[in-house]
């Protein structure tokens, strides 16, 4: 009888431990983003000669803070490379993105070629295909999901049911657990979690009500950028960029 009680107690403890891991509802995730500039810049004649095999991979770190209803994804400031041309840092975006899962909206502080622009819109509805493929990120086993962004581009995401809120890098969401890995089909942009910490997150950290003026929807911002920067960017490229959000 005593042996049975010990076995039962051990089983209960194991179940409670598993349940506690599976119920992470607030915390912080650190992501490393790797951008292959040769793939993202392509044949742009103004820039391509500056991209070499030595500097083509740009690494940047981001922090995703979240609770059950909200999240904020932001760039972690680091020392700049001393001998790097100033424009190089503008080849990747470092947007700050808030999500309100209750209101089903997102708010982005977009750094557009050195100019801050504000965007507020509804969360995008994506149709994810969940597969049986699995991979581990930062100690958490994840399942792979696929989103067909358009006829020629797929986005791969790896999500962990261990972390309950449907959040992820760059405002991605919509899966039954946090996205800990994200990649474009051609590998031009890849995000993966390097550190996960369960902790309480102040609600104020995910509040974007301080932004009140010159706020655009996606459609309005695309039109504004085409008007002001039509010499350097094409409407189809902007539409492709904003289809992420």
Protein backbone atom coordinates (compact mmCIF):
# COMPACT_ATOMS: atom_id res chain seq x y z
CA UNK A 1 0.00 0.00 0.00
CA UNK A 2 2.78 2.42 0.92
CA UNK A 3 4.54 1.61 -2.33
CA UNK A 4 1.35 2.38 -4.27
CA UNK A 5 0.99 5.71 -2.45
CA UNK A 6 4.56 6.70 -3.34
CA UNK A 7 4.01 5.81 -6.98
CA UNK A 8 0.75 7.79 -7.02
CA UNK A 9 2.40 10.80 -5.37
CA UNK A 10 5.24 10.71 -7.89
CA UNK A 11 2.77 10.54 -10.79
CA UNK A 12 0.79 13.51 -9.44
CA UNK A 13 3.95 15.60 -9.04
CA UNK A 14 5.00 14.75 -12.58
CA UNK A 15 1.58 15.75 -13.92
CA UNK A 16 1.62 19.03 -12.01
CA UNK A 17 5.11 19.82 -13.26
CA UNK A 18 4.09 19.12 -16.85
CA UNK A 19 0.95 21.24 -16.43
CA UNK A 20 2.94 24.18 -15.03
CA UNK A 21 5.32 24.07 -18.01
CA UNK A 22 2.37 23.95 -20.41
CA UNK A 23 0.68 26.94 -18.82
CA UNK A 24 3.26 29.69 -19.30
CA UNK A 25 1.10 32.76 -19.90
CA UNK A 26 3.50 35.68 -19.47
CA UNK A 27 7.18 36.25 -19.96
CA UNK A 28 9.94 37.33 -22.29
CA UNK A 29 11.42 35.70 -25.39
CA UNK A 30 14.70 36.79 -26.97
CA UNK A 31 14.95 36.24 -30.73
CA UNK A 32 17.90 36.39 -33.06
CA UNK A 33 17.02 37.48 -36.57
CA UNK A 34 19.30 36.57 -39.45
CA UNK A 35 18.81 38.42 -42.73
CA UNK A 36 20.56 37.37 -45.92
CA UNK A 37 21.09 40.75 -47.57
CA UNK A 38 22.07 39.22 -50.90
CA UNK A 39 18.61 37.66 -51.07
CA UNK A 40 16.64 40.63 -49.72
CA UNK A 41 18.50 43.34 -51.66
CA UNK A 42 18.65 41.29 -54.84
CA UNK A 43 19.98 43.12 -57.89
CA UNK A 44 19.41 46.65 -56.59
CA UNK A 45 22.17 48.51 -58.52
CA UNK A 46 22.62 51.14 -55.78
CA UNK A 47 23.37 48.62 -53.05
CA UNK A 48 24.39 45.21 -54.38
CA UNK A 49 28.09 46.11 -54.80
CA UNK A 50 28.34 46.82 -51.07
CA UNK A 51 27.06 43.35 -50.12
CA UNK A 52 29.83 40.77 -49.90
CA UNK A 53 30.04 37.17 -48.74
CA UNK A 54 31.52 38.50 -45.49
CA UNK A 55 28.72 40.92 -44.59
CA UNK A 56 25.71 39.36 -46.33
CA UNK A 57 24.30 37.85 -43.11
CA UNK A 58 23.03 40.54 -40.75
CA UNK A 59 22.27 39.42 -37.18
CA UNK A 60 19.99 41.42 -34.88
CA UNK A 61 18.31 40.64 -31.57
CA UNK A 62 14.74 41.37 -30.51
CA UNK A 63 12.68 41.01 -27.35
CA UNK A 64 9.08 39.80 -27.22
CA UNK A 65 7.27 40.53 -23.95
CA UNK A 66 3.82 39.02 -23.57
CA UNK A 67 0.92 38.14 -21.33
CA UNK A 68 -2.37 36.37 -22.06
CA UNK A 69 -3.86 39.29 -24.00
CA UNK A 70 -1.03 41.48 -25.31
CA UNK A 71 2.54 41.55 -26.55
CA UNK A 72 5.25 43.98 -27.65
CA UNK A 73 8.12 43.08 -30.00
CA UNK A 74 11.09 45.45 -30.03
CA UNK A 75 14.69 45.73 -31.23
CA UNK A 76 17.48 45.36 -28.68
CA UNK A 77 19.90 48.24 -29.18
CA UNK A 78 23.49 47.15 -29.76
CA UNK A 79 26.78 48.82 -30.61
CA UNK A 80 27.07 49.59 -34.30
CA UNK A 81 29.92 48.18 -36.38
CA UNK A 82 32.52 50.96 -36.55
CA UNK A 83 33.55 50.60 -40.20
CA UNK A 84 30.10 49.77 -41.59
CA UNK A 85 28.57 52.26 -44.07
CA UNK A 86 25.70 54.14 -42.39
CA UNK A 87 23.07 53.05 -44.88
CA UNK A 88 23.70 49.35 -44.18
CA UNK A 89 21.66 49.43 -40.98
CA UNK A 90 18.70 50.69 -43.02
CA UNK A 91 18.65 47.53 -45.13
CA UNK A 92 16.70 45.76 -42.39
CA UNK A 93 13.67 47.06 -40.49
CA UNK A 94 13.61 47.42 -36.71
CA UNK A 95 9.93 48.04 -36.11
CA UNK A 96 8.32 48.03 -32.68
CA UNK A 97 5.08 46.07 -32.80
CA UNK A 98 2.33 45.94 -30.21
CA UNK A 99 -0.47 43.37 -30.31
CA UNK A 100 -3.81 43.49 -28.54
CA UNK A 101 -5.29 40.01 -28.87
CA UNK A 102 -8.55 41.00 -27.15
CA UNK A 103 -9.20 43.89 -29.54
CA UNK A 104 -7.68 41.94 -32.46
CA UNK A 105 -5.52 44.86 -33.51
CA UNK A 106 -1.85 45.71 -33.81
CA UNK A 107 0.10 48.94 -33.54
CA UNK A 108 3.47 49.41 -35.21
CA UNK A 109 6.09 52.10 -34.70
CA UNK A 110 7.78 51.80 -38.06
CA UNK A 111 11.26 53.11 -38.73
CA UNK A 112 10.99 54.05 -42.38
CA UNK A 113 14.46 55.00 -43.65
CA UNK A 114 15.16 56.99 -40.50
CA UNK A 115 11.67 58.46 -40.18
CA UNK A 116 9.21 57.21 -37.59
CA UNK A 117 5.74 56.36 -38.88
CA UNK A 118 2.77 54.95 -36.96
CA UNK A 119 0.49 52.19 -38.16
CA UNK A 120 -2.65 50.79 -36.54
CA UNK A 121 -4.84 48.12 -38.10
CA UNK A 122 -6.69 44.88 -37.53
CA UNK A 123 -4.70 41.70 -36.98
CA UNK A 124 -4.30 39.78 -40.22
CA UNK A 125 -6.19 36.53 -40.58
CA UNK A 126 -3.85 33.80 -41.82
CA UNK A 127 -4.68 30.23 -42.76
CA UNK A 128 -2.01 28.06 -41.19
CA UNK A 129 -1.38 24.43 -42.16
CA UNK A 130 -0.08 22.57 -39.11
CA UNK A 131 2.24 19.66 -39.86
CA UNK A 132 3.66 16.78 -37.85
CA UNK A 133 7.23 18.06 -38.25
CA UNK A 134 8.88 19.07 -34.98
CA UNK A 135 11.94 21.04 -33.92
CA UNK A 136 13.28 22.35 -30.62
CA UNK A 137 13.91 26.05 -29.93
CA UNK A 138 15.37 27.32 -26.63
CA UNK A 139 14.54 24.02 -24.96
CA UNK A 140 10.91 23.89 -26.12
CA UNK A 141 9.67 21.34 -28.61
CA UNK A 142 7.71 23.02 -31.40
CA UNK A 143 5.48 21.93 -34.25
CA UNK A 144 5.87 23.32 -37.73
CA UNK A 145 3.13 25.27 -39.49
CA UNK A 146 3.02 26.71 -43.00
CA UNK A 147 1.34 29.86 -44.31
CA UNK A 148 1.07 30.47 -48.05
CA UNK A 149 1.60 34.23 -48.06
CA UNK A 150 1.02 34.43 -51.81
CA UNK A 151 1.38 32.28 -54.93
CA UNK A 152 5.17 32.28 -54.71
CA UNK A 153 6.04 32.69 -51.02
CA UNK A 154 5.61 30.44 -48.03
CA UNK A 155 6.27 31.31 -44.41
CA UNK A 156 7.29 28.57 -41.97
CA UNK A 157 6.57 28.90 -38.26
CA UNK A 158 7.41 26.64 -35.33
CA UNK A 159 5.12 27.06 -32.32
CA UNK A 160 5.20 25.68 -28.79
CA UNK A 161 1.98 24.76 -26.92
CA UNK A 162 4.08 25.11 -23.73
CA UNK A 163 3.64 28.88 -24.06
CA UNK A 164 -0.09 29.55 -24.23
CA UNK A 165 -0.55 33.06 -25.76
CA UNK A 166 -0.77 33.11 -29.54
CA UNK A 167 2.14 35.51 -30.09
CA UNK A 168 5.32 35.60 -32.14
CA UNK A 169 8.04 37.72 -33.76
CA UNK A 170 7.05 40.63 -36.00
CA UNK A 171 3.45 40.41 -34.81
CA UNK A 172 2.87 36.91 -36.16
CA UNK A 173 0.17 35.02 -34.29
CA UNK A 174 -2.76 32.67 -34.88
CA UNK A 175 -1.29 29.35 -33.77
CA UNK A 176 -2.09 27.34 -30.62
CA UNK A 177 1.01 28.53 -28.80
CA UNK A 178 3.84 31.04 -29.10
CA UNK A 179 5.90 31.06 -32.30
CA UNK A 180 9.55 30.43 -31.41
CA UNK A 181 10.88 30.03 -34.94
CA UNK A 182 9.93 31.81 -38.15
CA UNK A 183 11.45 31.70 -41.64
CA UNK A 184 10.76 32.69 -45.20
CA UNK A 185 10.80 29.82 -47.68
CA UNK A 186 14.04 30.97 -49.32
CA UNK A 187 15.76 31.51 -45.96
CA UNK A 188 16.25 35.22 -46.61
CA UNK A 189 14.87 36.08 -43.15
CA UNK A 190 14.97 33.73 -40.17
CA UNK A 191 13.96 34.26 -36.54
CA UNK A 192 14.65 31.82 -33.72
CA UNK A 193 14.24 32.05 -29.97
CA UNK A 194 17.49 31.93 -28.02
CA UNK A 195 16.16 32.56 -24.52
CA UNK A 196 12.77 32.24 -22.81
CA UNK A 197 11.98 33.52 -19.34
CA UNK A 198 8.69 33.14 -17.50
CA UNK A 199 7.94 36.36 -15.60
CA UNK A 200 5.20 38.85 -14.87
CA UNK A 201 5.03 41.64 -17.46
CA UNK A 202 3.70 45.08 -16.58
CA UNK A 203 0.57 45.91 -18.57
CA UNK A 204 1.94 49.42 -19.13
CA UNK A 205 4.83 47.98 -21.16
CA UNK A 206 2.35 46.87 -23.82
CA UNK A 207 0.30 50.08 -23.83
CA UNK A 208 0.51 52.17 -27.00
CA UNK A 209 -2.10 54.80 -26.11
CA UNK A 210 0.63 57.46 -25.84
CA UNK A 211 0.71 57.58 -29.64
CA UNK A 212 -2.13 59.83 -30.76
CA UNK A 213 -1.27 61.68 -34.00
CA UNK A 214 -0.55 60.80 -37.63
CA UNK A 215 -1.60 57.17 -37.32
CA UNK A 216 -2.18 55.28 -40.58
CA UNK A 217 -3.89 52.06 -41.63
CA UNK A 218 -1.91 49.71 -43.89
CA UNK A 219 -3.58 51.01 -47.03
CA UNK A 220 -3.05 54.65 -46.06
CA UNK A 221 0.61 54.12 -45.23
CA UNK A 222 1.33 52.32 -48.49
CA UNK A 223 -0.22 55.19 -50.45
CA UNK A 224 1.75 57.75 -48.44
CA UNK A 225 5.07 55.95 -48.98
CA UNK A 226 4.44 55.50 -52.71
CA UNK A 227 3.77 59.23 -53.00
CA UNK A 228 6.82 60.30 -51.00
CA UNK A 229 9.31 57.60 -52.01
CA UNK A 230 8.10 56.42 -55.38
CA UNK A 231 11.57 56.88 -56.87
CA UNK A 232 13.09 54.30 -54.55
CA UNK A 233 10.29 51.85 -53.73
CA UNK A 234 7.57 50.19 -55.76
CA UNK A 235 3.99 49.74 -54.64
CA UNK A 236 4.14 45.96 -55.13
CA UNK A 237 7.21 45.77 -52.86
CA UNK A 238 5.43 47.72 -50.13
CA UNK A 239 2.33 45.54 -50.46
CA UNK A 240 4.55 42.49 -50.10
CA UNK A 241 6.24 43.98 -47.03
CA UNK A 242 2.97 44.86 -45.31
CA UNK A 243 1.43 41.48 -46.10
CA UNK A 244 3.51 40.26 -43.15
CA UNK A 245 1.38 42.29 -40.76
